[in-house]
């Protein structure tokens, strides 16, 4: 793990089949911002919105505190998922992988050079570090993806952001994390669960723009069936009123173990 700031560790207790050898770190920094450190030491930053995120702890608002970043994943173009991605990509010369349409927009408008905004589409799997490194697969999300930006004159404009997506990140040891991005419930969550069998699902529960806690509970209990579920994308604004307590209540003692970190805390798997 790199980085100047230190994250409290919350150990995830194994249940069911043993966790594969190695350690995967999952650090939540508020909203959908998650830093994953793989057993092989690769650092993947997903949906970075830190500098102006009211839920991000002060010591993590300095992007240098993240330490080295090897790759950036952006699920869609909305500000609360994309905001700090260009700066981080330039800071680390790290590619920003996201919806193909977003990558094209970002390169066309000079937000990032084309080599830092590679195109990537749903259903595709990329191997940024070769066949023995982590694998990243883009999967469906049910949302929208407009990119709000300012033109050269400082006027607010809205640009195409491609189609929203989630990511299945498979570690070197086979451990899998599904970051859903922003999404509502859709029937193919069951198919994605059966195809990829994620160990951990990072899922939005805030309601209004994304799933409610009740919808999220149904999705992980009845369709996806992971070992662990981590709620994200709640409590940042008044509209995102869903809570982890409502999620746990809706699960009714069934389904995965729910892990509830505070922003700035991490789980080791």
C-alpha atoms as a PDB file:
ATOM      1  CA  UNK A   1       0.000   0.000   0.000  1.00  0.00           C
ATOM      2  CA  UNK A   2       1.275   3.439  -0.914  1.00  0.00           C
ATOM      3  CA  UNK A   3       0.180   6.848   0.238  1.00  0.00           C
ATOM      4  CA  UNK A   4       0.910   9.377   2.892  1.00  0.00           C
ATOM      5  CA  UNK A   5      -2.426   9.080   4.660  1.00  0.00           C
ATOM      6  CA  UNK A   6      -3.143   5.962   6.714  1.00  0.00           C
ATOM      7  CA  UNK A   7      -6.470   4.140   6.636  1.00  0.00           C
ATOM      8  CA  UNK A   8      -7.794   2.239   9.652  1.00  0.00           C
ATOM      9  CA  UNK A   9      -8.065  -1.465   8.841  1.00  0.00           C
ATOM     10  CA  UNK A  10     -11.311  -3.344   9.429  1.00  0.00           C
ATOM     11  CA  UNK A  11     -10.683  -7.063   9.044  1.00  0.00           C
ATOM     12  CA  UNK A  12     -13.294  -8.960   7.048  1.00  0.00           C
ATOM     13  CA  UNK A  13     -13.910 -12.264   8.800  1.00  0.00           C
ATOM     14  CA  UNK A  14     -13.897 -15.244   6.453  1.00  0.00           C
ATOM     15  CA  UNK A  15     -17.132 -17.141   6.003  1.00  0.00           C
ATOM     16  CA  UNK A  16     -17.951 -20.109   3.823  1.00  0.00           C
ATOM     17  CA  UNK A  17     -15.103 -21.154   1.533  1.00  0.00           C
ATOM     18  CA  UNK A  18     -11.648 -19.846   2.469  1.00  0.00           C
ATOM     19  CA  UNK A  19     -10.451 -16.537   1.039  1.00  0.00           C
ATOM     20  CA  UNK A  20      -7.674 -17.139  -1.539  1.00  0.00           C
ATOM     21  CA  UNK A  21      -4.126 -16.547  -0.339  1.00  0.00           C
ATOM     22  CA  UNK A  22      -3.034 -12.922  -0.504  1.00  0.00           C
ATOM     23  CA  UNK A  23      -4.571  -9.679   0.622  1.00  0.00           C
ATOM     24  CA  UNK A  24      -6.914  -7.322  -1.187  1.00  0.00           C
ATOM     25  CA  UNK A  25      -7.397  -3.871   0.372  1.00  0.00           C
ATOM     26  CA  UNK A  26     -10.627  -1.976  -0.267  1.00  0.00           C
ATOM     27  CA  UNK A  27     -10.549   1.628   0.960  1.00  0.00           C
ATOM     28  CA  UNK A  28     -13.753   3.696   0.796  1.00  0.00           C
ATOM     29  CA  UNK A  29     -13.353   7.467   0.646  1.00  0.00           C
ATOM     30  CA  UNK A  30     -16.983   8.606   0.404  1.00  0.00           C
ATOM     31  CA  UNK A  31     -19.659   8.484  -2.311  1.00  0.00           C
ATOM     32  CA  UNK A  32     -18.388   5.956  -4.894  1.00  0.00           C
ATOM     33  CA  UNK A  33     -14.657   6.677  -4.462  1.00  0.00           C
ATOM     34  CA  UNK A  34     -12.810   3.436  -3.745  1.00  0.00           C
ATOM     35  CA  UNK A  35      -9.119   2.571  -3.835  1.00  0.00           C
ATOM     36  CA  UNK A  36      -8.317  -1.103  -4.368  1.00  0.00           C
ATOM     37  CA  UNK A  37      -4.833  -2.456  -3.703  1.00  0.00           C
ATOM     38  CA  UNK A  38      -4.384  -5.915  -5.179  1.00  0.00           C
ATOM     39  CA  UNK A  39      -2.369  -8.770  -3.643  1.00  0.00           C
ATOM     40  CA  UNK A  40       0.329  -8.063  -6.226  1.00  0.00           C
ATOM     41  CA  UNK A  41       0.529  -4.395  -5.250  1.00  0.00           C
ATOM     42  CA  UNK A  42      -1.372  -2.788  -8.123  1.00  0.00           C
ATOM     43  CA  UNK A  43      -3.384   0.253  -7.040  1.00  0.00           C
ATOM     44  CA  UNK A  44      -6.682   0.925  -8.812  1.00  0.00           C
ATOM     45  CA  UNK A  45      -8.663   4.083  -8.043  1.00  0.00           C
ATOM     46  CA  UNK A  46     -12.364   3.952  -8.898  1.00  0.00           C
ATOM     47  CA  UNK A  47     -14.630   7.001  -9.324  1.00  0.00           C
ATOM     48  CA  UNK A  48     -12.307   9.547  -7.704  1.00  0.00           C
ATOM     49  CA  UNK A  49     -14.181  12.502  -6.236  1.00  0.00           C
ATOM     50  CA  UNK A  50     -12.165  13.590  -3.219  1.00  0.00           C
ATOM     51  CA  UNK A  51     -11.148  17.251  -3.229  1.00  0.00           C
ATOM     52  CA  UNK A  52     -14.692  18.662  -2.956  1.00  0.00           C
ATOM     53  CA  UNK A  53     -16.468  15.583  -1.589  1.00  0.00           C
ATOM     54  CA  UNK A  54     -18.020  16.545   1.787  1.00  0.00           C
ATOM     55  CA  UNK A  55     -17.719  12.960   3.057  1.00  0.00           C
ATOM     56  CA  UNK A  56     -14.036  12.501   2.205  1.00  0.00           C
ATOM     57  CA  UNK A  57     -11.867  12.928   5.325  1.00  0.00           C
ATOM     58  CA  UNK A  58      -9.611  15.994   5.220  1.00  0.00           C
ATOM     59  CA  UNK A  59      -6.401  13.959   5.130  1.00  0.00           C
ATOM     60  CA  UNK A  60      -7.522  12.255   1.896  1.00  0.00           C
ATOM     61  CA  UNK A  61      -8.526  15.425   0.016  1.00  0.00           C
ATOM     62  CA  UNK A  62      -4.886  15.898  -0.995  1.00  0.00           C
ATOM     63  CA  UNK A  63      -4.617  13.595  -4.010  1.00  0.00           C
ATOM     64  CA  UNK A  64      -0.966  12.905  -3.212  1.00  0.00           C
ATOM     65  CA  UNK A  65      -2.134  11.086  -0.059  1.00  0.00           C
ATOM     66  CA  UNK A  66      -3.376   8.237  -2.257  1.00  0.00           C
ATOM     67  CA  UNK A  67       0.188   7.259  -3.052  1.00  0.00           C
ATOM     68  CA  UNK A  68       0.947   5.660  -6.382  1.00  0.00           C
ATOM     69  CA  UNK A  69      -1.958   4.956  -8.714  1.00  0.00           C
ATOM     70  CA  UNK A  70      -1.537   2.374 -11.467  1.00  0.00           C
ATOM     71  CA  UNK A  71      -4.954   2.709 -13.124  1.00  0.00           C
ATOM     72  CA  UNK A  72      -8.138   4.745 -12.755  1.00  0.00           C
ATOM     73  CA  UNK A  73     -11.622   3.383 -13.419  1.00  0.00           C
ATOM     74  CA  UNK A  74     -14.571   5.711 -14.006  1.00  0.00           C
ATOM     75  CA  UNK A  75     -18.025   4.162 -14.123  1.00  0.00           C
ATOM     76  CA  UNK A  76     -19.685   7.158 -15.814  1.00  0.00           C
ATOM     77  CA  UNK A  77     -19.242  10.847 -16.507  1.00  0.00           C
ATOM     78  CA  UNK A  78     -21.116  12.502 -13.642  1.00  0.00           C
ATOM     79  CA  UNK A  79     -19.051  14.934 -11.586  1.00  0.00           C
ATOM     80  CA  UNK A  80     -19.223  12.919  -8.370  1.00  0.00           C
ATOM     81  CA  UNK A  81     -17.482  10.017 -10.137  1.00  0.00           C
ATOM     82  CA  UNK A  82     -15.231  11.768 -12.651  1.00  0.00           C
ATOM     83  CA  UNK A  83     -14.137  14.989 -10.924  1.00  0.00           C
ATOM     84  CA  UNK A  84     -10.560  14.143  -9.924  1.00  0.00           C
ATOM     85  CA  UNK A  85      -9.882  11.487 -12.552  1.00  0.00           C
ATOM     86  CA  UNK A  86      -8.112  13.736 -15.094  1.00  0.00           C
ATOM     87  CA  UNK A  87      -5.797  15.229 -12.474  1.00  0.00           C
ATOM     88  CA  UNK A  88      -4.907  11.811 -11.070  1.00  0.00           C
ATOM     89  CA  UNK A  89      -4.305  10.403 -14.551  1.00  0.00           C
ATOM     90  CA  UNK A  90      -1.852  13.196 -15.354  1.00  0.00           C
ATOM     91  CA  UNK A  91      -0.214  13.052 -11.918  1.00  0.00           C
ATOM     92  CA  UNK A  92       0.631   9.355 -12.258  1.00  0.00           C
ATOM     93  CA  UNK A  93       0.662   8.966 -16.043  1.00  0.00           C
ATOM     94  CA  UNK A  94      -2.005   6.345 -15.365  1.00  0.00           C
ATOM     95  CA  UNK A  95      -4.713   5.399 -17.878  1.00  0.00           C
ATOM     96  CA  UNK A  96      -8.306   6.319 -17.075  1.00  0.00           C
ATOM     97  CA  UNK A  97     -10.503   3.441 -18.180  1.00  0.00           C
ATOM     98  CA  UNK A  98     -14.198   4.135 -18.517  1.00  0.00           C
ATOM     99  CA  UNK A  99     -17.087   4.033 -20.978  1.00  0.00           C
ATOM    100  CA  UNK A 100     -15.790   4.142 -24.548  1.00  0.00           C
ATOM    101  CA  UNK A 101     -17.846   7.236 -25.337  1.00  0.00           C
ATOM    102  CA  UNK A 102     -16.447   9.062 -22.312  1.00  0.00           C
ATOM    103  CA  UNK A 103     -12.886   8.250 -23.340  1.00  0.00           C
ATOM    104  CA  UNK A 104     -13.525   9.606 -26.813  1.00  0.00           C
ATOM    105  CA  UNK A 105     -15.048  12.818 -25.455  1.00  0.00           C
ATOM    106  CA  UNK A 106     -12.216  13.321 -22.983  1.00  0.00           C
ATOM    107  CA  UNK A 107      -9.596  12.905 -25.732  1.00  0.00           C
ATOM    108  CA  UNK A 108     -11.466  14.976 -28.335  1.00  0.00           C
ATOM    109  CA  UNK A 109     -11.874  17.957 -26.011  1.00  0.00           C
ATOM    110  CA  UNK A 110      -8.320  17.764 -24.730  1.00  0.00           C
ATOM    111  CA  UNK A 111      -9.283  16.936 -21.147  1.00  0.00           C
ATOM    112  CA  UNK A 112      -6.755  14.106 -21.317  1.00  0.00           C
ATOM    113  CA  UNK A 113      -4.414  12.927 -24.063  1.00  0.00           C
ATOM    114  CA  UNK A 114      -5.724   9.935 -25.963  1.00  0.00           C
ATOM    115  CA  UNK A 115      -3.148   7.564 -24.453  1.00  0.00           C
ATOM    116  CA  UNK A 116      -4.571   8.270 -20.978  1.00  0.00           C
ATOM    117  CA  UNK A 117      -8.210   7.826 -22.077  1.00  0.00           C
ATOM    118  CA  UNK A 118      -8.375   4.398 -23.733  1.00  0.00           C
ATOM    119  CA  UNK A 119     -11.730   3.188 -25.032  1.00  0.00           C
ATOM    120  CA  UNK A 120     -13.305   0.273 -23.146  1.00  0.00           C
ATOM    121  CA  UNK A 121     -16.752  -1.264 -23.572  1.00  0.00           C
ATOM    122  CA  UNK A 122     -19.258  -3.332 -21.626  1.00  0.00           C
ATOM    123  CA  UNK A 123     -18.582  -7.051 -21.855  1.00  0.00           C
ATOM    124  CA  UNK A 124     -14.903  -6.464 -22.553  1.00  0.00           C
ATOM    125  CA  UNK A 125     -12.080  -7.565 -20.277  1.00  0.00           C
ATOM    126  CA  UNK A 126      -8.768  -5.702 -20.179  1.00  0.00           C
ATOM    127  CA  UNK A 127      -5.419  -6.963 -18.916  1.00  0.00           C
ATOM    128  CA  UNK A 128      -3.470  -3.762 -18.151  1.00  0.00           C
ATOM    129  CA  UNK A 129      -0.596  -5.704 -16.547  1.00  0.00           C
ATOM    130  CA  UNK A 130      -0.571  -8.807 -18.728  1.00  0.00           C
ATOM    131  CA  UNK A 131      -2.216 -12.224 -18.407  1.00  0.00           C
ATOM    132  CA  UNK A 132      -1.058 -12.867 -14.827  1.00  0.00           C
ATOM    133  CA  UNK A 133      -2.124  -9.468 -13.490  1.00  0.00           C
ATOM    134  CA  UNK A 134      -5.533  -8.216 -12.364  1.00  0.00           C
ATOM    135  CA  UNK A 135      -8.356  -8.477 -14.903  1.00  0.00           C
ATOM    136  CA  UNK A 136     -10.963  -5.726 -15.281  1.00  0.00           C
ATOM    137  CA  UNK A 137     -14.309  -6.394 -16.956  1.00  0.00           C
ATOM    138  CA  UNK A 138     -16.898  -3.740 -17.782  1.00  0.00           C
ATOM    139  CA  UNK A 139     -20.482  -4.768 -17.014  1.00  0.00           C
ATOM    140  CA  UNK A 140     -23.867  -3.156 -17.301  1.00  0.00           C
ATOM    141  CA  UNK A 141     -25.186  -0.388 -15.042  1.00  0.00           C
ATOM    142  CA  UNK A 142     -28.614   1.225 -15.284  1.00  0.00           C
ATOM    143  CA  UNK A 143     -28.071   4.989 -15.086  1.00  0.00           C
ATOM    144  CA  UNK A 144     -27.091   7.969 -17.292  1.00  0.00           C
ATOM    145  CA  UNK A 145     -23.699   9.472 -18.135  1.00  0.00           C
ATOM    146  CA  UNK A 146     -23.606  13.137 -19.185  1.00  0.00           C
ATOM    147  CA  UNK A 147     -20.335  15.021 -18.811  1.00  0.00           C
ATOM    148  CA  UNK A 148     -20.772  18.557 -17.501  1.00  0.00           C
ATOM    149  CA  UNK A 149     -17.781  20.686 -18.450  1.00  0.00           C
ATOM    150  CA  UNK A 150     -16.715  24.258 -19.204  1.00  0.00           C
ATOM    151  CA  UNK A 151     -15.689  25.305 -22.690  1.00  0.00           C
ATOM    152  CA  UNK A 152     -12.713  27.538 -23.496  1.00  0.00           C
ATOM    153  CA  UNK A 153     -14.801  30.618 -22.681  1.00  0.00           C
ATOM    154  CA  UNK A 154     -15.816  29.231 -19.300  1.00  0.00           C
ATOM    155  CA  UNK A 155     -19.386  28.486 -20.380  1.00  0.00           C
ATOM    156  CA  UNK A 156     -21.073  25.418 -18.936  1.00  0.00           C
ATOM    157  CA  UNK A 157     -21.649  22.745 -21.567  1.00  0.00           C
ATOM    158  CA  UNK A 158     -22.870  19.143 -21.518  1.00  0.00           C
ATOM    159  CA  UNK A 159     -20.928  16.548 -23.495  1.00  0.00           C
ATOM    160  CA  UNK A 160     -21.570  12.869 -24.331  1.00  0.00           C
ATOM    161  CA  UNK A 161     -20.292  10.588 -21.584  1.00  0.00           C
ATOM    162  CA  UNK A 162     -20.882   7.173 -23.115  1.00  0.00           C
ATOM    163  CA  UNK A 163     -23.006   4.536 -21.397  1.00  0.00           C
ATOM    164  CA  UNK A 164     -22.660   3.928 -17.644  1.00  0.00           C
ATOM    165  CA  UNK A 165     -21.049   0.719 -16.511  1.00  0.00           C
ATOM    166  CA  UNK A 166     -19.762  -1.169 -13.509  1.00  0.00           C
ATOM    167  CA  UNK A 167     -16.506  -3.077 -13.122  1.00  0.00           C
ATOM    168  CA  UNK A 168     -15.587  -6.594 -12.072  1.00  0.00           C
ATOM    169  CA  UNK A 169     -12.000  -6.434 -10.786  1.00  0.00           C
ATOM    170  CA  UNK A 170     -10.417  -9.879 -10.497  1.00  0.00           C
ATOM    171  CA  UNK A 171      -7.250  -9.945  -8.418  1.00  0.00           C
ATOM    172  CA  UNK A 172      -4.141 -11.988  -9.190  1.00  0.00           C
ATOM    173  CA  UNK A 173      -5.400 -14.695  -6.800  1.00  0.00           C
ATOM    174  CA  UNK A 174      -8.919 -14.840  -8.264  1.00  0.00           C
ATOM    175  CA  UNK A 175     -10.658 -12.744  -5.572  1.00  0.00           C
ATOM    176  CA  UNK A 176     -13.307 -10.574  -7.264  1.00  0.00           C
ATOM    177  CA  UNK A 177     -14.798  -7.177  -6.450  1.00  0.00           C
ATOM    178  CA  UNK A 178     -17.795  -5.761  -8.324  1.00  0.00           C
ATOM    179  CA  UNK A 179     -18.020  -1.978  -8.163  1.00  0.00           C
ATOM    180  CA  UNK A 180     -21.516  -1.272  -9.462  1.00  0.00           C
ATOM    181  CA  UNK A 181     -21.080   2.449 -10.071  1.00  0.00           C
ATOM    182  CA  UNK A 182     -24.475   4.135 -10.057  1.00  0.00           C
ATOM    183  CA  UNK A 183     -27.327   1.836 -10.959  1.00  0.00           C
ATOM    184  CA  UNK A 184     -30.898   0.807 -10.456  1.00  0.00           C
ATOM    185  CA  UNK A 185     -31.880  -2.849 -10.192  1.00  0.00           C
ATOM    186  CA  UNK A 186     -31.947  -4.796 -13.460  1.00  0.00           C
ATOM    187  CA  UNK A 187     -32.596  -8.465 -14.147  1.00  0.00           C
ATOM    188  CA  UNK A 188     -29.147  -9.203 -15.559  1.00  0.00           C
ATOM    189  CA  UNK A 189     -27.626  -8.643 -12.137  1.00  0.00           C
ATOM    190  CA  UNK A 190     -28.432 -12.318 -11.676  1.00  0.00           C
ATOM    191  CA  UNK A 191     -26.562 -13.216 -14.879  1.00  0.00           C
ATOM    192  CA  UNK A 192     -23.549 -11.102 -13.910  1.00  0.00           C
ATOM    193  CA  UNK A 193     -23.519 -12.799 -10.505  1.00  0.00           C
ATOM    194  CA  UNK A 194     -23.635 -16.250 -12.091  1.00  0.00           C
ATOM    195  CA  UNK A 195     -20.949 -15.437 -14.671  1.00  0.00           C
ATOM    196  CA  UNK A 196     -18.406 -13.721 -12.435  1.00  0.00           C
ATOM    197  CA  UNK A 197     -19.301 -14.844  -8.882  1.00  0.00           C
ATOM    198  CA  UNK A 198     -18.008 -11.702  -7.141  1.00  0.00           C
ATOM    199  CA  UNK A 199     -16.795 -12.081  -3.564  1.00  0.00           C
ATOM    200  CA  UNK A 200     -17.490  -8.430  -2.692  1.00  0.00           C
ATOM    201  CA  UNK A 201     -20.104  -6.094  -4.158  1.00  0.00           C
ATOM    202  CA  UNK A 202     -19.768  -2.333  -3.701  1.00  0.00           C
ATOM    203  CA  UNK A 203     -23.320  -1.132  -4.264  1.00  0.00           C
ATOM    204  CA  UNK A 204     -25.102   2.229  -4.218  1.00  0.00           C
ATOM    205  CA  UNK A 205     -27.974   2.467  -1.722  1.00  0.00           C
ATOM    206  CA  UNK A 206     -28.765   6.187  -1.560  1.00  0.00           C
ATOM    207  CA  UNK A 207     -32.084   6.116  -3.475  1.00  0.00           C
ATOM    208  CA  UNK A 208     -33.288   9.012  -5.699  1.00  0.00           C
ATOM    209  CA  UNK A 209     -30.591   8.514  -8.381  1.00  0.00           C
ATOM    210  CA  UNK A 210     -29.678   4.891  -7.567  1.00  0.00           C
ATOM    211  CA  UNK A 211     -31.043   1.833  -5.783  1.00  0.00           C
ATOM    212  CA  UNK A 212     -32.832   2.162  -2.490  1.00  0.00           C
ATOM    213  CA  UNK A 213     -31.554   0.028   0.404  1.00  0.00           C
ATOM    214  CA  UNK A 214     -34.538  -2.268  -0.136  1.00  0.00           C
ATOM    215  CA  UNK A 215     -33.758  -2.699  -3.847  1.00  0.00           C
ATOM    216  CA  UNK A 216     -30.087  -3.294  -3.081  1.00  0.00           C
ATOM    217  CA  UNK A 217     -30.972  -5.899  -0.450  1.00  0.00           C
ATOM    218  CA  UNK A 218     -33.109  -7.810  -2.923  1.00  0.00           C
ATOM    219  CA  UNK A 219     -30.363  -7.645  -5.559  1.00  0.00           C
ATOM    220  CA  UNK A 220     -27.570  -9.066  -3.382  1.00  0.00           C
ATOM    221  CA  UNK A 221     -29.731 -11.532  -1.443  1.00  0.00           C
ATOM    222  CA  UNK A 222     -31.751 -13.002  -4.295  1.00  0.00           C
ATOM    223  CA  UNK A 223     -29.773 -12.379  -7.487  1.00  0.00           C
ATOM    224  CA  UNK A 224     -26.046 -11.796  -6.963  1.00  0.00           C
ATOM    225  CA  UNK A 225     -25.330 -13.726  -3.736  1.00  0.00           C
ATOM    226  CA  UNK A 226     -21.812 -12.448  -2.945  1.00  0.00           C
ATOM    227  CA  UNK A 227     -19.973 -13.195   0.288  1.00  0.00           C
ATOM    228  CA  UNK A 228     -19.789  -9.532   1.302  1.00  0.00           C
ATOM    229  CA  UNK A 229     -21.691  -6.356   0.436  1.00  0.00           C
ATOM    230  CA  UNK A 230     -20.390  -2.830   1.068  1.00  0.00           C
ATOM    231  CA  UNK A 231     -22.912   0.021   0.732  1.00  0.00           C
ATOM    232  CA  UNK A 232     -21.688   3.180  -1.018  1.00  0.00           C
ATOM    233  CA  UNK A 233     -23.188   6.331  -2.577  1.00  0.00           C
ATOM    234  CA  UNK A 234     -25.376   7.400   0.326  1.00  0.00           C
ATOM    235  CA  UNK A 235     -25.576  10.314   2.742  1.00  0.00           C
ATOM    236  CA  UNK A 236     -23.534  12.758   0.644  1.00  0.00           C
ATOM    237  CA  UNK A 237     -26.527  14.941  -0.269  1.00  0.00           C
ATOM    238  CA  UNK A 238     -30.052  15.113   1.197  1.00  0.00           C
ATOM    239  CA  UNK A 239     -31.468  13.212  -1.795  1.00  0.00           C
ATOM    240  CA  UNK A 240     -29.247  10.206  -1.062  1.00  0.00           C
ATOM    241  CA  UNK A 241     -31.276   9.319   2.017  1.00  0.00           C
ATOM    242  CA  UNK A 242     -30.830   5.538   2.077  1.00  0.00           C
ATOM    243  CA  UNK A 243     -28.825   4.149   5.011  1.00  0.00           C
ATOM    244  CA  UNK A 244     -26.858   0.982   5.787  1.00  0.00           C
ATOM    245  CA  UNK A 245     -29.243   0.321   8.701  1.00  0.00           C
ATOM    246  CA  UNK A 246     -32.146   0.164   6.243  1.00  0.00           C
ATOM    247  CA  UNK A 247     -30.142  -2.199   4.039  1.00  0.00           C
ATOM    248  CA  UNK A 248     -29.414  -4.541   6.941  1.00  0.00           C
ATOM    249  CA  UNK A 249     -33.046  -4.437   8.059  1.00  0.00           C
ATOM    250  CA  UNK A 250     -34.249  -5.211   4.523  1.00  0.00           C
ATOM    251  CA  UNK A 251     -31.932  -8.222   4.303  1.00  0.00           C
ATOM    252  CA  UNK A 252     -33.640  -9.659   7.350  1.00  0.00           C
ATOM    253  CA  UNK A 253     -30.651 -11.741   8.409  1.00  0.00           C
ATOM    254  CA  UNK A 254     -30.305 -13.391   5.004  1.00  0.00           C
ATOM    255  CA  UNK A 255     -27.849 -12.769   2.220  1.00  0.00           C
ATOM    256  CA  UNK A 256     -24.225 -11.606   2.384  1.00  0.00           C
ATOM    257  CA  UNK A 257     -22.370 -10.187   5.323  1.00  0.00           C
ATOM    258  CA  UNK A 258     -22.736  -6.394   5.186  1.00  0.00           C
ATOM    259  CA  UNK A 259     -19.558  -4.411   5.873  1.00  0.00           C
ATOM    260  CA  UNK A 260     -20.046  -0.739   6.740  1.00  0.00           C
ATOM    261  CA  UNK A 261     -16.826   1.282   6.786  1.00  0.00           C
ATOM    262  CA  UNK A 262     -16.681   4.974   7.530  1.00  0.00           C
ATOM    263  CA  UNK A 263     -15.074   7.095   4.814  1.00  0.00           C
ATOM    264  CA  UNK A 264     -11.315   6.691   5.177  1.00  0.00           C
ATOM    265  CA  UNK A 265     -11.514   3.139   6.532  1.00  0.00           C
ATOM    266  CA  UNK A 266     -10.487   0.023   4.629  1.00  0.00           C
ATOM    267  CA  UNK A 267     -11.215  -3.676   4.707  1.00  0.00           C
ATOM    268  CA  UNK A 268      -8.568  -6.330   4.132  1.00  0.00           C
ATOM    269  CA  UNK A 269      -9.698  -9.534   2.457  1.00  0.00           C
END
